[in-house]
C-alpha atoms as a PDB file:
ATOM      1  CA  MET A   1     -29.061  19.622  -7.652  1.00  0.00           C
ATOM      2  CA  MET A   2     -26.043  18.538  -5.625  1.00  0.00           C
ATOM      3  CA  LYS A   3     -26.383  19.145  -1.900  1.00  0.00           C
ATOM      4  CA  THR A   4     -23.239  20.178  -0.061  1.00  0.00           C
ATOM      5  CA  GLU A   5     -22.358  19.697   3.572  1.00  0.00           C
ATOM      6  CA  GLU A   6     -21.371  22.784   5.504  1.00  0.00           C
ATOM      7  CA  LEU A   7     -17.755  22.211   6.476  1.00  0.00           C
ATOM      8  CA  LYS A   8     -15.837  24.155   9.093  1.00  0.00           C
ATOM      9  CA  LEU A   9     -12.523  24.820   7.375  1.00  0.00           C
ATOM     10  CA  VAL A  10      -9.441  26.086   9.181  1.00  0.00           C
ATOM     11  CA  THR A  11      -8.342  29.443   7.825  1.00  0.00           C
ATOM     12  CA  GLU A  12      -4.852  29.723   9.298  1.00  0.00           C
ATOM     13  CA  TRP A  13      -1.822  27.919   7.871  1.00  0.00           C
ATOM     14  CA  ASP A  14      -1.537  24.686   9.866  1.00  0.00           C
ATOM     15  CA  LYS A  15       0.566  22.476   7.591  1.00  0.00           C
ATOM     16  CA  THR A  16       3.565  20.363   8.516  1.00  0.00           C
ATOM     17  CA  PHE A  17       5.573  22.238   5.865  1.00  0.00           C
ATOM     18  CA  SER A  18       6.369  25.919   5.313  1.00  0.00           C
ATOM     19  CA  LYS A  19       4.160  28.117   3.170  1.00  0.00           C
ATOM     20  CA  SER A  20       5.602  28.998  -0.217  1.00  0.00           C
ATOM     21  CA  ASP A  21       5.728  32.592  -1.454  1.00  0.00           C
ATOM     22  CA  LYS A  22       5.635  31.357  -5.049  1.00  0.00           C
ATOM     23  CA  VAL A  23       2.014  30.175  -5.045  1.00  0.00           C
ATOM     24  CA  ASN A  24      -1.427  31.384  -4.038  1.00  0.00           C
ATOM     25  CA  HIS A  25      -3.216  29.133  -1.570  1.00  0.00           C
ATOM     26  CA  SER A  26      -6.945  28.797  -0.887  1.00  0.00           C
ATOM     27  CA  LYS A  27      -9.446  26.300   0.496  1.00  0.00           C
ATOM     28  CA  VAL A  28     -11.970  24.733  -1.893  1.00  0.00           C
ATOM     29  CA  THR A  29     -14.722  22.124  -1.638  1.00  0.00           C
ATOM     30  CA  PHE A  30     -16.402  19.754  -4.088  1.00  0.00           C
ATOM     31  CA  VAL A  31     -18.948  16.929  -3.929  1.00  0.00           C
ATOM     32  CA  ASN A  32     -18.425  13.305  -4.916  1.00  0.00           C
ATOM     33  CA  HIS A  33     -21.054  10.971  -6.385  1.00  0.00           C
ATOM     34  CA  PHE A  34     -21.881   9.604  -2.944  1.00  0.00           C
ATOM     35  CA  GLY A  35     -22.949  13.106  -1.922  1.00  0.00           C
ATOM     36  CA  ILE A  36     -19.963  13.676   0.372  1.00  0.00           C
ATOM     37  CA  THR A  37     -18.402  17.131   0.369  1.00  0.00           C
ATOM     38  CA  LEU A  38     -14.627  17.008   0.183  1.00  0.00           C
ATOM     39  CA  ALA A  39     -12.243  19.695   1.422  1.00  0.00           C
ATOM     40  CA  ALA A  40      -9.051  20.545  -0.423  1.00  0.00           C
ATOM     41  CA  ASP A  41      -6.189  23.009  -0.460  1.00  0.00           C
ATOM     42  CA  MET A  42      -5.673  24.611  -3.855  1.00  0.00           C
ATOM     43  CA  TYR A  43      -2.249  25.859  -4.902  1.00  0.00           C
ATOM     44  CA  VAL A  44      -1.930  28.116  -7.960  1.00  0.00           C
ATOM     45  CA  PRO A  45       1.369  29.451  -9.331  1.00  0.00           C
ATOM     46  CA  LYS A  46       1.615  33.187  -8.810  1.00  0.00           C
ATOM     47  CA  ASN A  47       1.304  35.279 -11.969  1.00  0.00           C
ATOM     48  CA  ALA A  48      -0.010  32.240 -13.864  1.00  0.00           C
ATOM     49  CA  GLU A  49      -1.957  33.016 -17.031  1.00  0.00           C
ATOM     50  CA  GLY A  50      -4.211  31.006 -19.280  1.00  0.00           C
ATOM     51  CA  LYS A  51      -5.375  27.458 -18.749  1.00  0.00           C
ATOM     52  CA  LEU A  52      -2.941  25.422 -16.688  1.00  0.00           C
ATOM     53  CA  PRO A  53      -2.186  21.717 -16.410  1.00  0.00           C
ATOM     54  CA  ALA A  54      -3.615  20.428 -13.121  1.00  0.00           C
ATOM     55  CA  ILE A  55      -2.841  17.690 -10.614  1.00  0.00           C
ATOM     56  CA  ALA A  56      -4.954  16.212  -7.793  1.00  0.00           C
ATOM     57  CA  VAL A  57      -3.015  14.739  -4.860  1.00  0.00           C
ATOM     58  CA  SER A  58      -3.969  12.565  -1.897  1.00  0.00           C
ATOM     59  CA  GLY A  59      -2.357  10.275   0.649  1.00  0.00           C
ATOM     60  CA  PRO A  60      -0.846   8.653   2.561  1.00  0.00           C
ATOM     61  CA  PHE A  61      -3.536   6.289   3.814  1.00  0.00           C
ATOM     62  CA  GLY A  62      -4.704   7.701   7.156  1.00  0.00           C
ATOM     63  CA  ALA A  63      -2.927  11.029   6.693  1.00  0.00           C
ATOM     64  CA  CYS A  64      -4.419  14.455   6.016  1.00  0.00           C
ATOM     65  CA  LYS A  65      -3.819  17.081   3.340  1.00  0.00           C
ATOM     66  CA  GLU A  66      -1.760  19.173   5.744  1.00  0.00           C
ATOM     67  CA  GLN A  67       0.924  16.499   5.632  1.00  0.00           C
ATOM     68  CA  SER A  68       2.599  14.811   2.658  1.00  0.00           C
ATOM     69  CA  SER A  69      -0.018  15.421  -0.042  1.00  0.00           C
ATOM     70  CA  GLY A  70       0.010  19.155   0.632  1.00  0.00           C
ATOM     71  CA  LEU A  71       3.789  19.247   0.309  1.00  0.00           C
ATOM     72  CA  TYR A  72       3.604  17.496  -3.061  1.00  0.00           C
ATOM     73  CA  ALA A  73       0.800  19.792  -4.224  1.00  0.00           C
ATOM     74  CA  GLN A  74       2.506  23.008  -3.183  1.00  0.00           C
ATOM     75  CA  THR A  75       5.838  21.970  -4.692  1.00  0.00           C
ATOM     76  CA  MET A  76       4.269  21.019  -8.018  1.00  0.00           C
ATOM     77  CA  ALA A  77       2.430  24.362  -8.044  1.00  0.00           C
ATOM     78  CA  GLU A  78       5.788  26.080  -7.642  1.00  0.00           C
ATOM     79  CA  ARG A  79       6.728  24.295 -10.856  1.00  0.00           C
ATOM     80  CA  GLY A  80       3.794  25.603 -12.858  1.00  0.00           C
ATOM     81  CA  PHE A  81       0.885  23.248 -12.195  1.00  0.00           C
ATOM     82  CA  LEU A  82      -2.442  24.118 -10.587  1.00  0.00           C
ATOM     83  CA  THR A  83      -2.843  21.574  -7.826  1.00  0.00           C
ATOM     84  CA  ILE A  84      -5.225  20.441  -5.120  1.00  0.00           C
ATOM     85  CA  ALA A  85      -4.499  18.240  -2.111  1.00  0.00           C
ATOM     86  CA  PHE A  86      -7.722  16.779  -0.728  1.00  0.00           C
ATOM     87  CA  ASP A  87      -8.856  14.918   2.365  1.00  0.00           C
ATOM     88  CA  PRO A  88     -10.638  11.652   1.508  1.00  0.00           C
ATOM     89  CA  SER A  89     -14.236  11.081   2.562  1.00  0.00           C
ATOM     90  CA  PHE A  90     -14.824  10.647   6.309  1.00  0.00           C
ATOM     91  CA  THR A  91     -11.393  12.085   7.192  1.00  0.00           C
ATOM     92  CA  GLY A  92      -9.669  15.390   7.875  1.00  0.00           C
ATOM     93  CA  GLU A  93     -11.757  18.431   7.005  1.00  0.00           C
ATOM     94  CA  SER A  94     -13.870  16.522   4.493  1.00  0.00           C
ATOM     95  CA  GLY A  95     -17.437  15.511   5.239  1.00  0.00           C
ATOM     96  CA  GLY A  96     -19.080  12.143   5.541  1.00  0.00           C
ATOM     97  CA  PHE A  97     -20.354  10.133   8.478  1.00  0.00           C
ATOM     98  CA  PRO A  98     -19.400   7.963  10.257  1.00  0.00           C
ATOM     99  CA  ARG A  99     -15.904   9.321  10.687  1.00  0.00           C
ATOM    100  CA  ALA A 100     -12.699   7.381  10.032  1.00  0.00           C
ATOM    101  CA  MET A 101     -14.350   4.920   7.651  1.00  0.00           C
ATOM    102  CA  HIS A 102     -13.562   4.178   4.017  1.00  0.00           C
ATOM    103  CA  SER A 103     -14.236   1.808   1.163  1.00  0.00           C
ATOM    104  CA  PRO A 104     -12.101   1.318  -1.952  1.00  0.00           C
ATOM    105  CA  ASP A 105     -14.921   2.307  -4.293  1.00  0.00           C
ATOM    106  CA  ILE A 106     -15.413   5.572  -2.386  1.00  0.00           C
ATOM    107  CA  ASP A 107     -11.639   6.104  -2.334  1.00  0.00           C
ATOM    108  CA  VAL A 108     -11.552   5.881  -6.137  1.00  0.00           C
ATOM    109  CA  GLU A 109     -14.643   8.077  -6.394  1.00  0.00           C
ATOM    110  CA  ASP A 110     -12.891  10.752  -4.327  1.00  0.00           C
ATOM    111  CA  PHE A 111     -10.092  10.926  -6.898  1.00  0.00           C
ATOM    112  CA  GLN A 112     -12.648  11.047  -9.713  1.00  0.00           C
ATOM    113  CA  ALA A 113     -14.532  13.842  -7.934  1.00  0.00           C
ATOM    114  CA  ALA A 114     -11.272  15.780  -7.717  1.00  0.00           C
ATOM    115  CA  VAL A 115     -10.918  15.389 -11.484  1.00  0.00           C
ATOM    116  CA  ASP A 116     -14.538  16.539 -11.893  1.00  0.00           C
ATOM    117  CA  PHE A 117     -13.710  19.685  -9.951  1.00  0.00           C
ATOM    118  CA  LEU A 118     -10.501  20.435 -11.812  1.00  0.00           C
ATOM    119  CA  SER A 119     -12.110  19.824 -15.200  1.00  0.00           C
ATOM    120  CA  VAL A 120     -14.515  22.773 -14.867  1.00  0.00           C
ATOM    121  CA  GLN A 121     -12.154  25.394 -13.438  1.00  0.00           C
ATOM    122  CA  ASP A 122     -11.704  28.410 -15.693  1.00  0.00           C
ATOM    123  CA  ASN A 123      -7.935  28.326 -15.262  1.00  0.00           C
ATOM    124  CA  VAL A 124      -7.497  24.590 -15.928  1.00  0.00           C
ATOM    125  CA  ASP A 125      -7.073  22.812 -19.240  1.00  0.00           C
ATOM    126  CA  PRO A 126      -9.359  19.760 -18.841  1.00  0.00           C
ATOM    127  CA  GLU A 127      -7.243  17.834 -21.344  1.00  0.00           C
ATOM    128  CA  ARG A 128      -4.169  18.154 -19.102  1.00  0.00           C
ATOM    129  CA  ILE A 129      -5.082  16.592 -15.749  1.00  0.00           C
ATOM    130  CA  GLY A 130      -2.953  14.193 -13.714  1.00  0.00           C
ATOM    131  CA  ILE A 131      -3.043  12.659 -10.253  1.00  0.00           C
ATOM    132  CA  ILE A 132      -0.523  11.786  -7.539  1.00  0.00           C
ATOM    133  CA  GLY A 133      -1.223   9.140  -4.912  1.00  0.00           C
ATOM    134  CA  ILE A 134       1.059   8.575  -1.925  1.00  0.00           C
ATOM    135  CA  CYS A 135       1.321   5.343   0.085  1.00  0.00           C
ATOM    136  CA  GLY A 136      -2.117   3.670   0.229  1.00  0.00           C
ATOM    137  CA  TRP A 137      -3.504   6.371  -1.979  1.00  0.00           C
ATOM    138  CA  GLY A 138      -0.886   5.430  -4.552  1.00  0.00           C
ATOM    139  CA  GLY A 139      -2.802   2.192  -4.928  1.00  0.00           C
ATOM    140  CA  MET A 140      -6.068   4.104  -5.173  1.00  0.00           C
ATOM    141  CA  ALA A 141      -4.536   6.437  -7.779  1.00  0.00           C
ATOM    142  CA  LEU A 142      -3.524   3.466  -9.905  1.00  0.00           C
ATOM    143  CA  GLN A 143      -6.991   1.982  -9.505  1.00  0.00           C
ATOM    144  CA  THR A 144      -8.551   5.305 -10.538  1.00  0.00           C
ATOM    145  CA  ALA A 145      -6.370   5.487 -13.647  1.00  0.00           C
ATOM    146  CA  CYS A 146      -7.964   2.186 -14.713  1.00  0.00           C
ATOM    147  CA  ILE A 147     -11.398   3.756 -14.952  1.00  0.00           C
ATOM    148  CA  ASP A 148     -11.004   7.507 -15.518  1.00  0.00           C
ATOM    149  CA  THR A 149      -9.854   8.233 -19.067  1.00  0.00           C
ATOM    150  CA  ARG A 150      -9.677  11.971 -18.309  1.00  0.00           C
ATOM    151  CA  ILE A 151      -6.489  11.304 -16.344  1.00  0.00           C
ATOM    152  CA  LYS A 152      -3.546  11.676 -18.690  1.00  0.00           C
ATOM    153  CA  ALA A 153      -0.739  10.906 -16.220  1.00  0.00           C
ATOM    154  CA  THR A 154      -0.513   9.172 -12.838  1.00  0.00           C
ATOM    155  CA  VAL A 155       2.275   9.161 -10.270  1.00  0.00           C
ATOM    156  CA  THR A 156       2.375   6.760  -7.344  1.00  0.00           C
ATOM    157  CA  SER A 157       4.863   7.402  -4.563  1.00  0.00           C
ATOM    158  CA  THR A 158       5.898   4.809  -1.965  1.00  0.00           C
ATOM    159  CA  MET A 159       2.754   2.905  -3.006  1.00  0.00           C
ATOM    160  CA  TYR A 160       0.778   0.511  -0.836  1.00  0.00           C
ATOM    161  CA  ASP A 161      -1.689  -2.043  -2.159  1.00  0.00           C
ATOM    162  CA  MET A 162      -4.086  -1.775   0.768  1.00  0.00           C
ATOM    163  CA  SER A 163      -6.213  -4.689  -0.432  1.00  0.00           C
ATOM    164  CA  ARG A 164      -3.176  -6.956  -0.378  1.00  0.00           C
ATOM    165  CA  VAL A 165      -2.279  -5.909   3.159  1.00  0.00           C
ATOM    166  CA  ALA A 166      -5.898  -6.285   4.309  1.00  0.00           C
ATOM    167  CA  GLY A 167      -6.161  -9.775   2.849  1.00  0.00           C
ATOM    168  CA  ASN A 168      -2.644 -11.127   3.291  1.00  0.00           C
ATOM    169  CA  GLY A 169      -1.089  -9.106   6.101  1.00  0.00           C
ATOM    170  CA  TYR A 170       2.245  -7.300   5.962  1.00  0.00           C
ATOM    171  CA  PHE A 171       4.770  -9.067   3.704  1.00  0.00           C
ATOM    172  CA  ASP A 172       1.999 -11.605   2.855  1.00  0.00           C
ATOM    173  CA  ALA A 173       2.708 -13.257   6.209  1.00  0.00           C
ATOM    174  CA  ALA A 174      -1.006 -14.003   6.790  1.00  0.00           C
ATOM    175  CA  ASP A 175      -1.831 -15.256   3.299  1.00  0.00           C
ATOM    176  CA  ASN A 176      -3.784 -18.329   4.367  1.00  0.00           C
ATOM    177  CA  LYS A 177      -7.378 -19.226   5.109  1.00  0.00           C
ATOM    178  CA  GLU A 178      -6.860 -19.680   8.852  1.00  0.00           C
ATOM    179  CA  ALA A 179      -5.376 -16.210   9.334  1.00  0.00           C
ATOM    180  CA  ARG A 180      -8.075 -14.579   7.212  1.00  0.00           C
ATOM    181  CA  LYS A 181     -10.801 -16.448   9.125  1.00  0.00           C
ATOM    182  CA  ALA A 182      -9.399 -15.220  12.439  1.00  0.00           C
ATOM    183  CA  ALA A 183      -9.332 -11.646  11.118  1.00  0.00           C
ATOM    184  CA  ARG A 184     -12.912 -11.944   9.871  1.00  0.00           C
ATOM    185  CA  GLU A 185     -14.107 -13.299  13.197  1.00  0.00           C
ATOM    186  CA  ALA A 186     -12.445 -10.424  15.055  1.00  0.00           C
ATOM    187  CA  VAL A 187     -13.877  -7.703  12.834  1.00  0.00           C
ATOM    188  CA  ASN A 188     -17.373  -9.186  12.891  1.00  0.00           C
ATOM    189  CA  LYS A 189     -17.283  -9.463  16.676  1.00  0.00           C
ATOM    190  CA  GLN A 190     -16.325  -5.800  16.689  1.00  0.00           C
ATOM    191  CA  ARG A 191     -19.276  -4.964  14.415  1.00  0.00           C
ATOM    192  CA  THR A 192     -21.648  -6.484  16.971  1.00  0.00           C
ATOM    193  CA  GLU A 193     -20.028  -4.493  19.771  1.00  0.00           C
ATOM    194  CA  ASP A 194     -20.143  -1.280  17.754  1.00  0.00           C
ATOM    195  CA  TYR A 195     -23.835  -1.742  17.039  1.00  0.00           C
ATOM    196  CA  ARG A 196     -24.550  -2.521  20.684  1.00  0.00           C
ATOM    197  CA  ASN A 197     -22.607   0.572  21.800  1.00  0.00           C
ATOM    198  CA  GLY A 198     -23.947   2.886  19.123  1.00  0.00           C
ATOM    199  CA  SER A 199     -20.459   4.030  18.149  1.00  0.00           C
ATOM    200  CA  TYR A 200     -17.469   2.898  16.105  1.00  0.00           C
ATOM    201  CA  ALA A 201     -14.396   1.853  18.063  1.00  0.00           C
ATOM    202  CA  ARG A 202     -11.082   3.105  16.698  1.00  0.00           C
ATOM    203  CA  ALA A 203      -8.220   0.798  15.836  1.00  0.00           C
ATOM    204  CA  GLY A 204      -5.570   3.222  17.070  1.00  0.00           C
ATOM    205  CA  GLY A 205      -3.027   5.107  14.979  1.00  0.00           C
ATOM    206  CA  VAL A 206       0.710   4.483  14.997  1.00  0.00           C
ATOM    207  CA  VAL A 207       1.611   2.730  18.254  1.00  0.00           C
ATOM    208  CA  ASP A 208       2.665   5.114  21.006  1.00  0.00           C
ATOM    209  CA  PRO A 209       4.774   4.724  23.091  1.00  0.00           C
ATOM    210  CA  LEU A 210       7.005   2.877  20.675  1.00  0.00           C
ATOM    211  CA  PRO A 211       8.045  -0.579  21.950  1.00  0.00           C
ATOM    212  CA  ASP A 212      11.765  -1.275  21.991  1.00  0.00           C
ATOM    213  CA  ASP A 213      11.251  -4.377  19.862  1.00  0.00           C
ATOM    214  CA  ALA A 214       9.053  -2.661  17.252  1.00  0.00           C
ATOM    215  CA  PRO A 215       9.945  -3.657  13.662  1.00  0.00           C
ATOM    216  CA  PHE A 216      11.728  -1.046  11.589  1.00  0.00           C
ATOM    217  CA  PHE A 217       8.683  -0.105   9.495  1.00  0.00           C
ATOM    218  CA  VAL A 218       6.723   0.736  12.659  1.00  0.00           C
ATOM    219  CA  LYS A 219       9.629   2.886  13.867  1.00  0.00           C
ATOM    220  CA  ASP A 220       9.647   4.532  10.438  1.00  0.00           C
ATOM    221  CA  TYR A 221       5.953   5.438  10.759  1.00  0.00           C
ATOM    222  CA  TYR A 222       6.440   6.640  14.324  1.00  0.00           C
ATOM    223  CA  ASP A 223       9.273   8.915  13.216  1.00  0.00           C
ATOM    224  CA  TYR A 224       6.907  10.671  10.830  1.00  0.00           C
ATOM    225  CA  TYR A 225       3.431  10.569  12.355  1.00  0.00           C
ATOM    226  CA  LYS A 226       4.229  10.853  16.057  1.00  0.00           C
ATOM    227  CA  THR A 227       6.960  13.487  16.030  1.00  0.00           C
ATOM    228  CA  GLU A 228       7.189  17.150  15.148  1.00  0.00           C
ATOM    229  CA  ARG A 229       8.330  16.083  11.703  1.00  0.00           C
ATOM    230  CA  GLY A 230       4.849  15.032  10.578  1.00  0.00           C
ATOM    231  CA  TYR A 231       2.325  15.031  13.430  1.00  0.00           C
ATOM    232  CA  HIS A 232      -1.024  16.659  12.709  1.00  0.00           C
ATOM    233  CA  VAL A 233      -4.106  16.849  14.868  1.00  0.00           C
ATOM    234  CA  ARG A 234      -6.418  15.754  12.009  1.00  0.00           C
ATOM    235  CA  SER A 235      -4.267  12.833  10.871  1.00  0.00           C
ATOM    236  CA  LEU A 236      -5.755   9.441  11.730  1.00  0.00           C
ATOM    237  CA  ASN A 237      -2.319   7.846  11.853  1.00  0.00           C
ATOM    238  CA  SER A 238      -1.067  10.522  14.246  1.00  0.00           C
ATOM    239  CA  ASN A 239      -3.996   9.953  16.620  1.00  0.00           C
ATOM    240  CA  ASP A 240      -6.755   7.344  17.110  1.00  0.00           C
ATOM    241  CA  GLY A 241      -6.566   5.707  13.694  1.00  0.00           C
ATOM    242  CA  TRP A 242      -9.281   4.308  11.447  1.00  0.00           C
ATOM    243  CA  ALA A 243     -12.460   2.727  12.737  1.00  0.00           C
ATOM    244  CA  ALA A 244     -11.642  -0.824  13.784  1.00  0.00           C
ATOM    245  CA  THR A 245     -14.010  -2.218  11.139  1.00  0.00           C
ATOM    246  CA  ALA A 246     -12.906   0.086   8.329  1.00  0.00           C
ATOM    247  CA  GLY A 247     -10.874  -2.539   6.489  1.00  0.00           C
ATOM    248  CA  THR A 248     -13.785  -4.891   5.788  1.00  0.00           C
ATOM    249  CA  SER A 249     -14.273  -3.878   2.152  1.00  0.00           C
ATOM    250  CA  LEU A 250     -10.554  -3.937   1.410  1.00  0.00           C
ATOM    251  CA  ALA A 251     -10.242  -7.444   2.843  1.00  0.00           C
ATOM    252  CA  ASN A 252     -12.969  -8.587   0.427  1.00  0.00           C
ATOM    253  CA  THR A 253     -11.539  -6.790  -2.617  1.00  0.00           C
ATOM    254  CA  ARG A 254      -8.517  -6.964  -4.884  1.00  0.00           C
ATOM    255  CA  LEU A 255      -7.213  -3.815  -6.523  1.00  0.00           C
ATOM    256  CA  PHE A 256      -5.402  -3.711  -9.882  1.00  0.00           C
ATOM    257  CA  THR A 257      -7.570  -6.175 -11.809  1.00  0.00           C
ATOM    258  CA  TYR A 258      -7.522  -3.942 -14.886  1.00  0.00           C
ATOM    259  CA  VAL A 259      -4.302  -1.950 -14.478  1.00  0.00           C
ATOM    260  CA  GLY A 260      -2.853  -3.738 -17.495  1.00  0.00           C
ATOM    261  CA  GLU A 261      -5.401  -1.822 -19.570  1.00  0.00           C
ATOM    262  CA  ILE A 262      -4.231   1.652 -18.485  1.00  0.00           C
ATOM    263  CA  ASP A 263      -3.225   3.462 -21.678  1.00  0.00           C
ATOM    264  CA  SER A 264      -2.192   6.736 -20.017  1.00  0.00           C
ATOM    265  CA  ALA A 265       1.260   7.366 -18.576  1.00  0.00           C
ATOM    266  CA  VAL A 266       2.232   5.998 -15.151  1.00  0.00           C
ATOM    267  CA  LEU A 267       5.310   6.728 -13.053  1.00  0.00           C
ATOM    268  CA  MET A 268       5.789   4.603  -9.937  1.00  0.00           C
ATOM    269  CA  ILE A 269       8.358   5.814  -7.389  1.00  0.00           C
ATOM    270  CA  HIS A 270       9.581   3.847  -4.390  1.00  0.00           C
ATOM    271  CA  GLY A 271      12.443   3.843  -1.925  1.00  0.00           C
ATOM    272  CA  GLU A 272      15.001   1.083  -2.321  1.00  0.00           C
ATOM    273  CA  LYS A 273      14.992   0.321   1.408  1.00  0.00           C
ATOM    274  CA  ALA A 274      11.265   0.815   1.985  1.00  0.00           C
ATOM    275  CA  HIS A 275       9.587  -2.201   3.586  1.00  0.00           C
ATOM    276  CA  SER A 276       6.801  -1.715   1.039  1.00  0.00           C
ATOM    277  CA  CYS A 277       8.941  -1.655  -2.112  1.00  0.00           C
ATOM    278  CA  TYR A 278       7.733  -5.109  -3.181  1.00  0.00           C
ATOM    279  CA  MET A 279       4.239  -3.690  -3.711  1.00  0.00           C
ATOM    280  CA  SER A 280       5.332  -1.218  -6.391  1.00  0.00           C
ATOM    281  CA  GLN A 281       7.619  -3.801  -7.983  1.00  0.00           C
ATOM    282  CA  ASP A 282       4.788  -6.324  -8.224  1.00  0.00           C
ATOM    283  CA  ALA A 283       2.178  -3.810  -9.415  1.00  0.00           C
ATOM    284  CA  PHE A 284       4.523  -2.445 -12.071  1.00  0.00           C
ATOM    285  CA  LYS A 285       4.756  -5.902 -13.630  1.00  0.00           C
ATOM    286  CA  LEU A 286       1.029  -5.682 -14.367  1.00  0.00           C
ATOM    287  CA  LEU A 287       1.358  -2.487 -16.429  1.00  0.00           C
ATOM    288  CA  ASN A 288       1.760  -2.389 -20.200  1.00  0.00           C
ATOM    289  CA  GLY A 289       3.186   0.157 -22.612  1.00  0.00           C
ATOM    290  CA  ASP A 290       6.340   2.200 -23.083  1.00  0.00           C
ATOM    291  CA  ASN A 291       4.828   5.127 -21.131  1.00  0.00           C
ATOM    292  CA  LYS A 292       5.146   3.253 -17.832  1.00  0.00           C
ATOM    293  CA  GLU A 293       8.167   3.648 -15.547  1.00  0.00           C
ATOM    294  CA  LEU A 294       9.318   2.353 -12.152  1.00  0.00           C
ATOM    295  CA  LEU A 295      11.832   4.607 -10.409  1.00  0.00           C
ATOM    296  CA  ILE A 296      13.629   3.183  -7.361  1.00  0.00           C
ATOM    297  CA  ILE A 297      15.246   5.807  -5.111  1.00  0.00           C
ATOM    298  CA  PRO A 298      18.566   4.521  -3.696  1.00  0.00           C
ATOM    299  CA  ASP A 299      18.740   4.201   0.125  1.00  0.00           C
ATOM    300  CA  ALA A 300      15.291   5.751   0.718  1.00  0.00           C
ATOM    301  CA  VAL A 301      12.891   4.174   3.241  1.00  0.00           C
ATOM    302  CA  HIS A 302       9.107   4.378   3.124  1.00  0.00           C
ATOM    303  CA  THR A 303       8.526   7.740   4.832  1.00  0.00           C
ATOM    304  CA  ASP A 304      11.464   9.408   3.081  1.00  0.00           C
ATOM    305  CA  LEU A 305       9.030   9.904   0.188  1.00  0.00           C
ATOM    306  CA  TYR A 306       6.479  11.519   2.504  1.00  0.00           C
ATOM    307  CA  ASP A 307       8.526  14.659   3.119  1.00  0.00           C
ATOM    308  CA  GLY A 308      11.912  14.051   1.528  1.00  0.00           C
ATOM    309  CA  GLY A 309      13.568  12.723   4.665  1.00  0.00           C
ATOM    310  CA  ASP A 310      16.978  14.111   5.551  1.00  0.00           C
ATOM    311  CA  LYS A 311      18.317  13.967   1.972  1.00  0.00           C
ATOM    312  CA  ASN A 312      15.457  15.407  -0.117  1.00  0.00           C
ATOM    313  CA  TYR A 313      14.666  11.990  -1.533  1.00  0.00           C
ATOM    314  CA  ILE A 314      11.476  13.068  -3.361  1.00  0.00           C
ATOM    315  CA  PRO A 315      12.468  13.412  -7.045  1.00  0.00           C
ATOM    316  CA  PHE A 316      10.463  16.540  -7.820  1.00  0.00           C
ATOM    317  CA  ASP A 317      12.543  17.252 -10.940  1.00  0.00           C
ATOM    318  CA  LYS A 318      11.462  13.860 -12.279  1.00  0.00           C
ATOM    319  CA  LEU A 319       7.825  14.530 -11.391  1.00  0.00           C
ATOM    320  CA  GLU A 320       7.995  17.875 -13.173  1.00  0.00           C
ATOM    321  CA  SER A 321       9.504  16.417 -16.347  1.00  0.00           C
ATOM    322  CA  PHE A 322       7.035  13.498 -16.319  1.00  0.00           C
ATOM    323  CA  PHE A 323       3.955  15.687 -16.005  1.00  0.00           C
ATOM    324  CA  THR A 324       5.334  18.247 -18.450  1.00  0.00           C
ATOM    325  CA  LYS A 325       5.789  15.484 -21.032  1.00  0.00           C
ATOM    326  CA  TYR A 326       2.409  13.850 -20.628  1.00  0.00           C
ATOM    327  CA  LEU A 327       0.189  16.821 -19.713  1.00  0.00           C
ATOM    328  CA  LYS A 328       0.758  18.621 -22.997  1.00  0.00           C
END
């Protein structure tokens, strides 16, 4: 018998986007195979009948479901899909202790648990389930598609390969033994301090105040996570960030080993001017089959695909046609 944690879920609407009058919204919970109870927002098209195609959404890495993933989920529900946007283990309204930790195997399991949940809903067709991963959770979505054959279609948006960043640094600038050794020494020193103190130090979210000489991608994150545009009280990136030692597993892992064996459909979307665009371009080269597509959005930067930016950059028409084609 699965044991569930008792979660305290917020009942009022507290998203960074407006509530739609075209869908019914509710809070749901489900348990992953590590025994962690996950919290999600479910969006169901109003007046929907029969068994619907369904989509599970998560991301960005360090965000919460009240931010970008909820916007994607609600918008796709407006277009006829039953959707859930969930908080990963140890974050947001989801359970798990210690807080603000993660591991890539648990990240993948969270997506699989979302598919478990969707597969047994009375109003879902279990043969028509897809997933959307945003930013770092785009990488986790792709990794999940490697192993979960129930997923018929996967979309990654402004994808990050978190294992590559953890091991090589941004733009692969620390891809050498000396830099990795220094990072390992720092994180292991922190482990000793955490154990001595009986608590897990936080790494800090997006830097605040923003230095004048901050690189553009840091300014881009600040513009979303630290302003009214995207700030949320439960977002790690908007506040104290992940635990300082949370990246240990990612630094010792490489995602995408088997992505060339994904038979199901994959759509990868990235902004042309995003600092992270090279990650989707490189990952796409690993995919095989004529049901794989890389869509580059002209002029868009990384966070433009979080909420659409100032020009509605998120190609929801494309997402709708992609899922309609492959969730049939």
